[in-house]
N, C-alpha and C. Protein backbone atom coordinates (compact mmCIF):
# COMPACT_ATOMS: atom_id res chain seq x y z
N MET A 1 -108.12 -69.15 -11.39
CA MET A 1 -107.11 -68.19 -11.04
C MET A 1 -106.62 -68.50 -9.61
N ALA A 2 -105.34 -68.46 -9.42
CA ALA A 2 -104.77 -68.76 -8.09
C ALA A 2 -105.04 -67.62 -7.12
N ASN A 3 -105.22 -68.02 -5.85
CA ASN A 3 -105.44 -67.01 -4.82
C ASN A 3 -104.14 -66.27 -4.55
N LYS A 4 -104.24 -64.92 -4.41
CA LYS A 4 -103.07 -64.16 -4.06
C LYS A 4 -102.85 -64.24 -2.55
N LYS A 5 -101.58 -64.31 -2.17
CA LYS A 5 -101.25 -64.31 -0.78
C LYS A 5 -101.52 -62.95 -0.17
N VAL A 6 -102.20 -62.92 0.95
CA VAL A 6 -102.51 -61.65 1.61
C VAL A 6 -101.24 -61.13 2.31
N LYS A 7 -100.96 -59.84 2.11
CA LYS A 7 -99.76 -59.23 2.73
C LYS A 7 -99.98 -59.09 4.22
N THR A 8 -98.93 -59.32 4.97
CA THR A 8 -98.95 -59.12 6.42
C THR A 8 -98.86 -57.65 6.72
N LYS A 9 -99.14 -57.25 7.95
CA LYS A 9 -99.02 -55.85 8.35
C LYS A 9 -97.58 -55.35 8.14
N ALA A 10 -96.61 -56.21 8.50
CA ALA A 10 -95.20 -55.81 8.34
C ALA A 10 -94.85 -55.64 6.86
N GLU A 11 -95.36 -56.51 5.97
CA GLU A 11 -95.11 -56.38 4.54
C GLU A 11 -95.72 -55.10 4.01
N LYS A 12 -96.94 -54.77 4.42
CA LYS A 12 -97.59 -53.55 3.98
C LYS A 12 -96.80 -52.34 4.43
N GLU A 13 -96.33 -52.36 5.66
CA GLU A 13 -95.54 -51.24 6.20
C GLU A 13 -94.22 -51.08 5.40
N ARG A 14 -93.58 -52.22 5.09
CA ARG A 14 -92.34 -52.16 4.34
C ARG A 14 -92.59 -51.54 2.97
N LEU A 15 -93.61 -52.01 2.27
CA LEU A 15 -93.89 -51.50 0.92
C LEU A 15 -94.24 -50.02 0.94
N GLN A 16 -94.97 -49.58 1.98
CA GLN A 16 -95.33 -48.19 2.12
C GLN A 16 -94.07 -47.33 2.36
N THR A 17 -93.19 -47.82 3.23
CA THR A 17 -91.95 -47.12 3.55
C THR A 17 -91.10 -46.98 2.30
N ILE A 18 -90.92 -48.06 1.55
CA ILE A 18 -90.11 -48.00 0.32
C ILE A 18 -90.72 -47.02 -0.68
N ALA A 19 -92.03 -47.06 -0.84
CA ALA A 19 -92.71 -46.17 -1.79
C ALA A 19 -92.57 -44.70 -1.42
N GLU A 20 -92.42 -44.43 -0.15
CA GLU A 20 -92.29 -43.03 0.31
C GLU A 20 -90.86 -42.50 0.21
N MET A 21 -89.89 -43.39 0.00
CA MET A 21 -88.50 -42.96 -0.12
C MET A 21 -88.25 -42.46 -1.53
N PRO A 22 -87.23 -41.55 -1.70
CA PRO A 22 -86.87 -41.14 -3.06
C PRO A 22 -86.12 -42.27 -3.75
N CYS A 23 -86.06 -42.21 -5.06
CA CYS A 23 -85.31 -43.18 -5.83
C CYS A 23 -83.87 -43.21 -5.35
N TYR A 24 -83.37 -44.41 -5.05
CA TYR A 24 -82.01 -44.56 -4.56
C TYR A 24 -80.99 -44.01 -5.58
N ALA A 25 -81.14 -44.40 -6.83
CA ALA A 25 -80.15 -44.00 -7.85
C ALA A 25 -80.18 -42.49 -8.10
N CYS A 26 -81.37 -41.93 -8.23
CA CYS A 26 -81.47 -40.47 -8.44
C CYS A 26 -80.87 -39.72 -7.24
N PHE A 27 -81.14 -40.22 -6.04
CA PHE A 27 -80.63 -39.57 -4.83
C PHE A 27 -79.11 -39.57 -4.84
N GLN A 28 -78.50 -40.65 -5.32
CA GLN A 28 -77.04 -40.73 -5.41
C GLN A 28 -76.51 -39.72 -6.41
N ASP A 29 -77.36 -39.37 -7.41
CA ASP A 29 -76.98 -38.37 -8.42
C ASP A 29 -77.36 -36.96 -7.99
N GLY A 30 -77.87 -36.78 -6.75
CA GLY A 30 -78.19 -35.46 -6.21
C GLY A 30 -79.57 -34.96 -6.54
N VAL A 31 -80.47 -35.85 -6.91
CA VAL A 31 -81.84 -35.48 -7.26
C VAL A 31 -82.81 -36.32 -6.46
N GLU A 32 -83.90 -35.73 -5.98
CA GLU A 32 -84.93 -36.51 -5.29
C GLU A 32 -86.08 -36.72 -6.27
N THR A 33 -86.35 -37.98 -6.54
CA THR A 33 -87.39 -38.36 -7.50
C THR A 33 -88.33 -39.38 -6.84
N GLN A 34 -89.61 -39.25 -7.12
CA GLN A 34 -90.60 -40.19 -6.60
C GLN A 34 -90.23 -41.60 -7.04
N SER A 35 -90.35 -42.54 -6.10
CA SER A 35 -89.94 -43.93 -6.41
C SER A 35 -91.15 -44.82 -6.54
N GLU A 36 -90.88 -46.01 -7.04
CA GLU A 36 -91.79 -47.14 -7.02
C GLU A 36 -91.02 -48.30 -6.41
N VAL A 37 -91.69 -49.32 -6.02
CA VAL A 37 -91.07 -50.45 -5.30
C VAL A 37 -90.51 -51.44 -6.32
N HIS A 38 -89.23 -51.72 -6.16
CA HIS A 38 -88.58 -52.76 -7.01
C HIS A 38 -88.31 -53.98 -6.11
N HIS A 39 -88.84 -55.11 -6.49
CA HIS A 39 -88.58 -56.39 -5.80
C HIS A 39 -87.33 -57.04 -6.38
N ILE A 40 -86.38 -57.34 -5.54
CA ILE A 40 -85.14 -57.97 -5.99
C ILE A 40 -85.35 -59.45 -6.20
N ARG A 41 -85.01 -59.91 -7.36
CA ARG A 41 -85.07 -61.34 -7.67
C ARG A 41 -83.66 -61.87 -7.55
N SER A 42 -83.48 -62.85 -6.66
CA SER A 42 -82.15 -63.41 -6.43
C SER A 42 -82.25 -64.87 -6.04
N LEU A 43 -81.61 -65.71 -6.82
CA LEU A 43 -81.63 -67.14 -6.48
C LEU A 43 -80.98 -67.36 -5.12
N LYS A 44 -79.99 -66.54 -4.75
CA LYS A 44 -79.35 -66.66 -3.44
C LYS A 44 -80.34 -66.41 -2.31
N ARG A 45 -81.37 -65.62 -2.58
CA ARG A 45 -82.34 -65.26 -1.54
C ARG A 45 -83.68 -66.02 -1.74
N GLY A 46 -83.66 -67.00 -2.61
CA GLY A 46 -84.82 -67.88 -2.77
C GLY A 46 -85.86 -67.39 -3.77
N SER A 47 -85.47 -66.44 -4.63
CA SER A 47 -86.43 -66.03 -5.67
C SER A 47 -85.67 -65.86 -7.00
N GLY A 48 -86.36 -66.08 -8.04
CA GLY A 48 -85.82 -65.94 -9.37
C GLY A 48 -86.97 -65.79 -10.33
N MET A 49 -86.76 -65.98 -11.57
CA MET A 49 -87.86 -65.86 -12.53
C MET A 49 -88.92 -66.89 -12.19
N GLY A 50 -90.12 -66.43 -12.05
CA GLY A 50 -91.25 -67.33 -11.73
C GLY A 50 -91.42 -67.56 -10.24
N LEU A 51 -90.49 -67.07 -9.43
CA LEU A 51 -90.60 -67.25 -7.98
C LEU A 51 -90.84 -65.89 -7.35
N ARG A 52 -91.78 -65.83 -6.45
CA ARG A 52 -92.14 -64.56 -5.82
C ARG A 52 -91.07 -64.08 -4.86
N PRO A 53 -90.53 -62.87 -5.08
CA PRO A 53 -89.55 -62.35 -4.14
C PRO A 53 -90.24 -61.81 -2.87
N SER A 54 -89.49 -61.75 -1.80
CA SER A 54 -90.00 -61.24 -0.56
C SER A 54 -90.30 -59.74 -0.68
N HIS A 55 -91.33 -59.29 0.01
CA HIS A 55 -91.63 -57.85 0.08
C HIS A 55 -90.56 -57.11 0.89
N PHE A 56 -89.70 -57.85 1.61
CA PHE A 56 -88.64 -57.22 2.37
C PHE A 56 -87.38 -57.07 1.54
N ASP A 57 -87.34 -57.71 0.39
CA ASP A 57 -86.20 -57.56 -0.55
C ASP A 57 -86.59 -56.52 -1.59
N THR A 58 -86.82 -55.30 -1.13
CA THR A 58 -87.31 -54.23 -1.98
C THR A 58 -86.46 -52.99 -1.83
N ILE A 59 -86.32 -52.26 -2.93
CA ILE A 59 -85.59 -50.99 -2.91
C ILE A 59 -86.39 -49.93 -3.67
N PRO A 60 -86.19 -48.66 -3.30
CA PRO A 60 -86.93 -47.59 -4.02
C PRO A 60 -86.22 -47.16 -5.28
N LEU A 61 -86.87 -47.27 -6.40
CA LEU A 61 -86.34 -46.82 -7.67
C LEU A 61 -87.42 -46.07 -8.46
N CYS A 62 -87.05 -45.00 -9.16
CA CYS A 62 -88.00 -44.33 -10.02
C CYS A 62 -88.29 -45.24 -11.21
N SER A 63 -89.29 -44.89 -11.98
CA SER A 63 -89.67 -45.73 -13.11
C SER A 63 -88.50 -45.86 -14.09
N GLY A 64 -87.73 -44.80 -14.28
CA GLY A 64 -86.60 -44.85 -15.18
C GLY A 64 -85.50 -45.82 -14.74
N HIS A 65 -85.08 -45.70 -13.50
CA HIS A 65 -84.03 -46.61 -12.99
C HIS A 65 -84.56 -48.01 -12.73
N HIS A 66 -85.87 -48.11 -12.62
CA HIS A 66 -86.48 -49.43 -12.40
C HIS A 66 -86.61 -50.19 -13.71
N ARG A 67 -87.19 -49.54 -14.72
CA ARG A 67 -87.56 -50.32 -15.89
C ARG A 67 -87.46 -49.65 -17.25
N THR A 68 -87.26 -48.31 -17.35
CA THR A 68 -87.35 -47.71 -18.68
C THR A 68 -86.06 -47.06 -19.19
N ASN A 69 -85.15 -46.68 -18.32
CA ASN A 69 -83.89 -46.04 -18.78
C ASN A 69 -82.92 -47.07 -19.33
N LYS A 70 -81.99 -46.60 -20.15
CA LYS A 70 -80.90 -47.48 -20.62
C LYS A 70 -80.11 -48.04 -19.45
N ILE A 71 -79.95 -47.21 -18.41
CA ILE A 71 -79.27 -47.65 -17.17
C ILE A 71 -80.36 -47.89 -16.12
N SER A 72 -80.87 -49.10 -16.08
CA SER A 72 -81.93 -49.51 -15.16
C SER A 72 -81.76 -50.97 -14.77
N VAL A 73 -82.42 -51.37 -13.72
CA VAL A 73 -82.21 -52.77 -13.28
C VAL A 73 -82.79 -53.76 -14.27
N HIS A 74 -83.75 -53.33 -15.09
CA HIS A 74 -84.34 -54.30 -16.04
C HIS A 74 -83.76 -54.17 -17.45
N LEU A 75 -83.32 -52.98 -17.86
CA LEU A 75 -82.83 -52.83 -19.23
C LEU A 75 -81.31 -52.69 -19.34
N GLY A 76 -80.68 -52.22 -18.27
CA GLY A 76 -79.24 -51.98 -18.31
C GLY A 76 -78.60 -52.30 -16.99
N LYS A 77 -78.82 -53.56 -16.54
CA LYS A 77 -78.41 -53.96 -15.19
C LYS A 77 -76.89 -53.85 -14.98
N ILE A 78 -76.09 -54.22 -15.94
CA ILE A 78 -74.64 -54.17 -15.74
C ILE A 78 -74.18 -52.74 -15.52
N GLU A 79 -74.63 -51.83 -16.35
CA GLU A 79 -74.26 -50.40 -16.17
C GLU A 79 -74.86 -49.85 -14.88
N PHE A 80 -76.10 -50.24 -14.58
CA PHE A 80 -76.72 -49.76 -13.34
C PHE A 80 -75.90 -50.17 -12.12
N GLU A 81 -75.46 -51.45 -12.09
CA GLU A 81 -74.70 -51.92 -10.94
C GLU A 81 -73.27 -51.36 -10.91
N LYS A 82 -72.68 -51.05 -12.05
CA LYS A 82 -71.39 -50.37 -12.08
C LYS A 82 -71.49 -49.00 -11.39
N ARG A 83 -72.58 -48.31 -11.70
CA ARG A 83 -72.75 -46.92 -11.23
C ARG A 83 -73.25 -46.86 -9.79
N TYR A 84 -74.20 -47.74 -9.40
CA TYR A 84 -74.86 -47.60 -8.09
C TYR A 84 -74.61 -48.75 -7.13
N GLY A 85 -74.01 -49.83 -7.58
CA GLY A 85 -73.82 -51.02 -6.75
C GLY A 85 -74.82 -52.08 -7.08
N THR A 86 -74.59 -53.28 -6.54
CA THR A 86 -75.53 -54.36 -6.80
C THR A 86 -76.84 -54.10 -6.06
N GLN A 87 -77.87 -54.77 -6.48
CA GLN A 87 -79.19 -54.59 -5.83
C GLN A 87 -79.11 -55.00 -4.34
N LEU A 88 -78.33 -56.02 -4.06
CA LEU A 88 -78.21 -56.46 -2.65
C LEU A 88 -77.41 -55.45 -1.83
N GLU A 89 -76.40 -54.80 -2.44
CA GLU A 89 -75.68 -53.74 -1.74
C GLU A 89 -76.62 -52.55 -1.46
N ILE A 90 -77.42 -52.22 -2.45
CA ILE A 90 -78.39 -51.12 -2.29
C ILE A 90 -79.40 -51.48 -1.18
N LEU A 91 -79.85 -52.74 -1.19
CA LEU A 91 -80.80 -53.20 -0.17
C LEU A 91 -80.22 -52.99 1.21
N GLU A 92 -78.96 -53.35 1.42
CA GLU A 92 -78.31 -53.17 2.73
C GLU A 92 -78.30 -51.70 3.12
N LYS A 93 -77.97 -50.82 2.19
CA LYS A 93 -77.94 -49.37 2.49
C LYS A 93 -79.32 -48.84 2.81
N VAL A 94 -80.30 -49.27 2.04
CA VAL A 94 -81.69 -48.84 2.26
C VAL A 94 -82.17 -49.31 3.65
N ASN A 95 -81.88 -50.55 3.99
CA ASN A 95 -82.28 -51.09 5.28
C ASN A 95 -81.62 -50.33 6.41
N ARG A 96 -80.33 -49.97 6.26
CA ARG A 96 -79.63 -49.19 7.30
C ARG A 96 -80.29 -47.82 7.44
N GLU A 97 -80.64 -47.19 6.33
CA GLU A 97 -81.27 -45.87 6.38
C GLU A 97 -82.63 -45.92 7.07
N ILE A 98 -83.40 -46.95 6.77
CA ILE A 98 -84.71 -47.12 7.41
C ILE A 98 -84.52 -47.29 8.92
N GLU A 99 -83.56 -48.10 9.30
CA GLU A 99 -83.28 -48.33 10.75
C GLU A 99 -82.83 -47.03 11.42
N ARG A 100 -81.94 -46.30 10.73
CA ARG A 100 -81.45 -45.03 11.27
C ARG A 100 -82.59 -44.03 11.52
N CYS A 101 -83.47 -43.97 10.54
CA CYS A 101 -84.62 -43.06 10.67
C CYS A 101 -85.54 -43.45 11.80
N ARG A 102 -85.74 -44.76 11.95
CA ARG A 102 -86.61 -45.23 13.04
C ARG A 102 -85.98 -44.95 14.40
N GLU A 103 -84.65 -45.15 14.51
CA GLU A 103 -83.96 -44.89 15.76
C GLU A 103 -84.02 -43.41 16.13
N ASN A 104 -83.93 -42.54 15.09
CA ASN A 104 -83.98 -41.11 15.33
C ASN A 104 -85.38 -40.55 15.28
N GLN A 105 -86.37 -41.45 15.14
CA GLN A 105 -87.76 -41.10 15.07
C GLN A 105 -88.07 -40.11 13.95
N ASP A 106 -87.35 -40.30 12.85
CA ASP A 106 -87.66 -39.52 11.61
C ASP A 106 -88.94 -40.06 11.02
N ILE A 107 -89.33 -39.51 9.90
CA ILE A 107 -90.61 -39.83 9.27
C ILE A 107 -90.75 -41.30 8.95
N LEU A 108 -89.67 -41.94 8.41
CA LEU A 108 -89.79 -43.36 8.01
C LEU A 108 -90.09 -44.18 9.20
């Protein structure tokens, strides 16, 4: 069995921050729902099927918008991106919100 790469302190902090945020898609729909971490796979960013994505290329999504709803990044990506934007667009918005909260010394 291959050794797993140990997460850095910064990676652990990023994953914790994302996990504590509400689901991005639900929040856009006016609902706050507990999220889980979605890793964005993008050949443009050096990851794809079989390649490990960066822990910094992560967005908060509930289980439904992540993997079980008809409109989700894994089951209904086209409709998901029509409604909420591309995963990279969402990543930019999430990163801006994290930065804003840190500047204002909010919880994140």
